[in-house]
Protein backbone atom coordinates (compact mmCIF):
# COMPACT_ATOMS: atom_id res chain seq x y z
CA MET A 1 -0.20 0.45 0.04
CA ASN A 2 0.88 2.98 -0.96
CA ASP A 3 2.39 5.65 2.26
CA THR A 4 2.57 9.65 2.15
CA VAL A 5 5.40 10.26 0.25
CA ASP A 6 4.54 7.15 -2.31
CA LYS A 7 1.48 9.23 -2.58
CA LEU A 8 3.13 12.82 -3.01
CA VAL A 9 5.11 12.01 -5.17
CA ILE A 10 2.20 10.41 -7.74
CA PHE A 11 0.21 13.79 -6.39
CA LEU A 12 3.24 16.25 -7.89
CA ALA A 13 3.54 13.95 -10.87
CA LYS A 14 0.48 15.69 -12.02
CA ARG A 15 0.17 18.85 -13.71
CA ASP A 16 -2.49 19.61 -12.10
CA GLY A 17 -0.69 18.50 -8.31
CA ILE A 18 2.10 20.55 -9.39
CA ASP A 19 -0.51 23.28 -10.23
CA LYS A 20 -1.89 23.40 -6.53
CA LEU A 21 1.43 23.25 -4.64
CA VAL A 22 2.55 26.57 -6.51
CA LYS A 23 -0.53 28.29 -6.88
CA THR A 24 -0.69 28.08 -2.72
CA PHE A 25 2.71 29.20 -2.99
CA GLN A 26 1.19 32.33 -5.12
CA TYR A 27 -1.14 33.08 -2.91
CA VAL A 28 0.73 32.75 0.64
CA SER A 29 3.07 35.27 -0.35
CA LYS A 30 0.31 37.53 -1.67
CA LEU A 31 -0.96 37.23 1.63
CA VAL A 32 2.13 37.89 3.35
CA ASN A 33 3.43 40.91 1.48
CA TRP A 34 0.34 42.11 2.48
CA HIS A 35 0.50 41.24 6.40
CA VAL A 36 4.25 42.87 6.23
CA GLN A 37 4.60 45.01 3.96
CA THR A 38 4.36 48.20 6.08
CA THR A 39 6.51 46.52 8.96
CA TYR A 40 9.35 44.69 6.82
CA PRO A 41 9.64 46.02 3.61
CA ASP A 42 12.25 43.68 2.77
CA ILE A 43 10.23 40.67 3.40
CA ALA A 44 7.27 42.17 1.88
CA THR A 45 9.35 42.61 -1.74
CA ARG A 46 10.35 39.23 -1.64
CA ALA A 47 6.79 37.88 -1.20
CA LYS A 48 5.74 40.00 -3.48
CA GLN A 49 8.60 38.61 -6.52
CA CYS A 50 7.53 35.15 -5.08
CA GLU A 51 3.60 35.31 -5.92
CA VAL A 52 4.42 36.94 -9.38
CA ALA A 53 6.79 34.25 -10.57
CA SER A 54 4.42 31.35 -8.92
CA GLY A 55 2.03 33.01 -11.11
CA LEU A 56 3.65 33.19 -14.08
CA SER A 57 5.42 29.41 -13.59
CA ARG A 58 1.69 28.59 -13.07
CA LYS A 59 0.63 30.14 -16.79
CA ALA A 60 3.66 28.02 -18.44
CA PHE A 61 2.69 24.85 -16.75
CA ARG A 62 -0.96 25.67 -18.47
CA SER A 63 0.36 25.20 -21.82
CA GLY A 64 -2.10 23.45 -23.89
CA ARG A 65 -4.44 22.99 -21.45
CA PHE A 66 -7.46 24.40 -23.53
CA LEU A 67 -7.34 21.05 -24.91
CA THR A 68 -8.64 19.37 -21.80
CA GLY A 69 -11.97 21.09 -22.71
CA PHE A 70 -12.28 20.34 -25.90
CA ASN A 71 -11.47 16.73 -25.72
CA ALA A 72 -13.83 16.27 -22.90
CA LEU A 73 -16.84 18.15 -25.24
CA ARG A 74 -15.37 15.37 -27.69
CA ARG A 75 -15.59 12.14 -25.39
CA THR A 76 -17.86 12.88 -22.55
CA PRO A 77 -20.58 15.56 -23.99
CA GLY A 78 -23.36 14.46 -21.70
CA THR A 79 -26.29 11.62 -20.94
CA SER A 80 -28.85 14.22 -21.94
CA ARG A 81 -29.74 17.37 -23.88
CA GLY A 82 -29.54 20.06 -20.89
CA PHE A 83 -26.49 18.30 -19.36
CA ARG A 84 -25.01 18.83 -22.91
CA LEU A 85 -25.75 22.06 -23.23
CA LEU A 86 -24.13 22.93 -19.93
CA ALA A 87 -21.19 20.80 -20.87
CA VAL A 88 -20.50 22.66 -24.04
CA LEU A 89 -20.59 26.16 -21.96
CA ALA A 90 -18.86 25.38 -19.06
CA ASN A 91 -15.84 23.89 -21.05
CA SER A 92 -16.12 26.90 -23.66
CA GLY A 93 -15.64 29.32 -21.62
CA GLU A 94 -12.44 27.21 -19.87
CA MET A 95 -11.14 26.41 -23.29
CA VAL A 96 -11.34 30.95 -23.76
CA TYR A 97 -9.59 30.86 -20.12
CA PHE A 98 -7.07 28.21 -21.07
CA PHE A 99 -6.61 29.79 -25.03
CA PHE A 100 -5.90 33.48 -23.84
CA ASP A 101 -4.28 32.91 -20.58
CA HIS A 102 -1.48 31.92 -23.14
CA PHE A 103 -0.96 35.35 -24.53
CA LEU A 104 -1.64 36.91 -21.40
CA TRP A 105 1.47 34.68 -20.09
CA GLN A 106 3.55 35.89 -23.91
CA ALA A 107 2.89 39.63 -22.41
CA ARG A 108 3.76 39.45 -19.18
CA ILE A 109 6.93 37.84 -19.79
CA GLY A 110 7.43 40.39 -22.98
CA VAL A 111 7.34 38.34 -25.62
CA ILE A 112 4.12 40.05 -27.18
CA ASP A 113 3.99 44.16 -26.44
CA ALA A 114 3.05 44.49 -23.18
CA ARG A 115 -0.06 46.55 -23.79
CA TYR A 116 -2.57 44.03 -24.61
CA ALA A 117 -2.07 42.49 -21.33
CA ARG A 118 -4.66 44.33 -20.10
CA ARG A 119 -7.49 42.56 -22.74
CA MET A 120 -6.31 39.53 -22.75
CA SER A 121 -6.74 39.28 -18.94
CA PHE A 122 -10.26 40.19 -19.33
CA ILE A 123 -11.01 38.09 -22.10
CA SER A 124 -9.16 35.10 -20.31
CA ALA A 125 -11.35 35.95 -16.60
CA PHE A 126 -14.72 36.32 -18.52
CA GLY A 127 -14.15 32.99 -20.23
CA GLU A 128 -13.17 31.99 -16.90
CA SER A 129 -16.16 33.20 -14.97
CA VAL A 130 -19.10 31.60 -17.84
CA GLY A 131 -17.27 28.39 -17.28
CA TYR A 132 -17.35 28.19 -13.20
CA VAL A 133 -20.94 29.11 -13.34
CA PHE A 134 -21.95 26.36 -15.36
CA PHE A 135 -20.24 23.75 -13.49
CA ILE A 136 -21.11 25.28 -10.32
CA ILE A 137 -24.87 24.98 -12.00
CA ALA A 138 -23.78 21.39 -13.70
CA ASP A 139 -22.13 20.36 -9.87
CA PHE A 140 -25.11 21.33 -7.64
CA ILE A 141 -27.66 19.25 -10.39
CA LEU A 142 -25.47 16.12 -9.76
CA ILE A 143 -25.18 16.75 -6.38
CA THR A 144 -28.95 16.46 -5.70
CA ARG A 145 -29.65 13.81 -7.90
CA GLY A 146 -26.98 11.72 -5.75
CA LEU A 147 -29.07 12.82 -2.94
CA LYS A 148 -32.13 11.45 -4.10
CA ALA A 149 -30.29 8.15 -5.14
CA GLU A 150 -28.70 8.04 -1.37
CA ARG A 151 -32.74 8.16 0.28
CA LYS A 152 -33.98 5.56 -2.11
CA LEU A 153 -31.18 3.45 -0.84
CA LEU A 154 -31.32 4.12 2.44
CA ILE A 155 -35.03 3.58 2.74
CA GLU A 156 -34.52 -0.11 1.35
CA GLU A 157 -34.89 -2.89 4.28
CA GLU A 158 -33.07 -5.36 2.68
CA GLU A 159 -28.90 -4.59 3.67
CA SER A 160 -26.19 -5.69 1.65
CA LYS A 161 -22.68 -5.35 0.49
CA GLU A 162 -23.53 -3.70 -2.80
CA ARG A 163 -25.77 -1.13 -1.08
CA GLU A 164 -23.34 -0.20 1.29
CA GLY A 165 -20.99 0.18 -1.58
CA GLU A 166 -23.23 2.16 -3.48
CA ILE A 167 -23.82 4.60 -0.58
CA LYS A 168 -20.32 5.17 -0.14
CA LYS A 169 -19.78 5.66 -3.42
CA ILE A 170 -22.48 8.02 -3.80
CA ARG A 171 -21.53 10.04 -0.86
CA MET A 172 -17.52 9.96 -2.04
CA ASP A 173 -18.94 11.88 -4.98
CA ARG A 174 -20.92 14.20 -3.19
CA ILE A 175 -17.70 15.32 -1.56
CA MET A 176 -15.92 15.64 -4.57
CA ARG A 177 -18.45 18.08 -5.82
CA LEU A 178 -18.34 19.82 -2.82
CA MET A 179 -14.42 20.45 -3.65
CA ALA A 180 -15.03 21.23 -7.27
CA VAL A 181 -17.90 23.82 -6.26
CA ALA A 182 -15.83 25.23 -3.54
CA ALA A 183 -12.91 25.70 -5.49
CA ASN A 184 -15.24 27.32 -8.56
CA ILE A 185 -16.75 29.56 -6.45
CA ALA A 186 -13.09 30.83 -4.86
CA ASP A 187 -11.54 31.09 -8.71
CA LEU A 188 -14.82 32.85 -9.45
CA ILE A 189 -14.11 35.89 -7.31
CA ILE A 190 -10.60 35.82 -8.22
CA ALA A 191 -11.64 36.19 -12.14
CA LEU A 192 -14.22 38.91 -11.06
CA ALA A 193 -11.87 40.64 -9.88
CA ASP A 194 -10.19 41.29 -13.09
CA ILE A 195 -13.42 41.54 -15.31
CA GLU A 196 -15.32 44.36 -12.90
CA PRO A 197 -12.76 45.16 -10.50
CA ASN A 198 -14.27 46.25 -6.50
CA PRO A 199 -13.52 46.82 -2.72
CA PHE A 200 -14.67 43.01 -2.23
CA CYS A 201 -13.03 40.70 -4.19
CA ASN A 202 -10.02 43.73 -4.96
CA HIS A 203 -8.57 43.07 -1.45
CA THR A 204 -5.73 41.00 -0.65
CA VAL A 205 -7.49 38.55 2.29
CA THR A 206 -10.47 37.79 -0.01
CA LEU A 207 -8.22 36.83 -3.31
CA GLY A 208 -5.65 35.24 -0.74
CA ILE A 209 -8.01 33.75 0.97
CA SER A 210 -9.83 32.38 -1.94
CA GLY A 211 -6.65 31.72 -4.27
CA LEU A 212 -5.55 29.33 -0.83
CA VAL A 213 -9.64 27.97 -0.51
CA SER A 214 -9.26 26.72 -4.38
CA ALA A 215 -5.41 25.24 -4.49
CA TRP A 216 -6.42 23.07 -1.10
CA ALA A 217 -9.61 21.61 -2.14
CA GLY A 218 -7.73 21.19 -5.65
CA TRP A 219 -4.99 19.29 -3.51
CA TYR A 220 -8.38 16.99 -1.79
CA ARG A 221 -9.40 16.20 -4.93
CA ASN A 222 -5.79 15.13 -6.64
CA TRP A 223 -4.36 13.73 -3.77
CA PRO A 224 -4.28 9.77 -4.27
CA SER A 225 -6.38 7.73 -2.80
């Protein structure tokens, strides 16, 4: 049986695994910079540099990631017309996000003109927000269906290993979907800070906590069982 080190190696071998680790560095650094910027400016500067470097590294890791949404639509478009529509809207938004994120990364590192960065950031964040909204809706629908299926199993008088296994499977699926919802809501807040800057979404604490919620929910979902 794999121990913790084995699981960590497997986790970090995944693109999503390393992304969540670096995302943790990014948003911890953001909070450290905010907390010490007046008292320890030297530490604050280093924390800011770590935040920026981590953010750019994550964009590099996501190269070609837009193909994931395309492949999802190609392979598993949905079991019903409603879910196919949700899948198209959610994955299309995510594809826009990851595709234009390539250009944002190139603008940030100076490969293309930096004046395009703001436009690419807006388009990317807008697509991201659209994707998250429809992913959240789909997850809540599936969570509701799971609850109904679990109730039906619980009222059955006859107990069996198959019944217990089905209930366990439904509950595990619900936990994973709740983690996905938490991550998507947190990332939606971060995206809204780009689309429509406002005091709540753009506050450093809001962004920092949202980033960590998203990262740690991703840790939980991607951690090997």
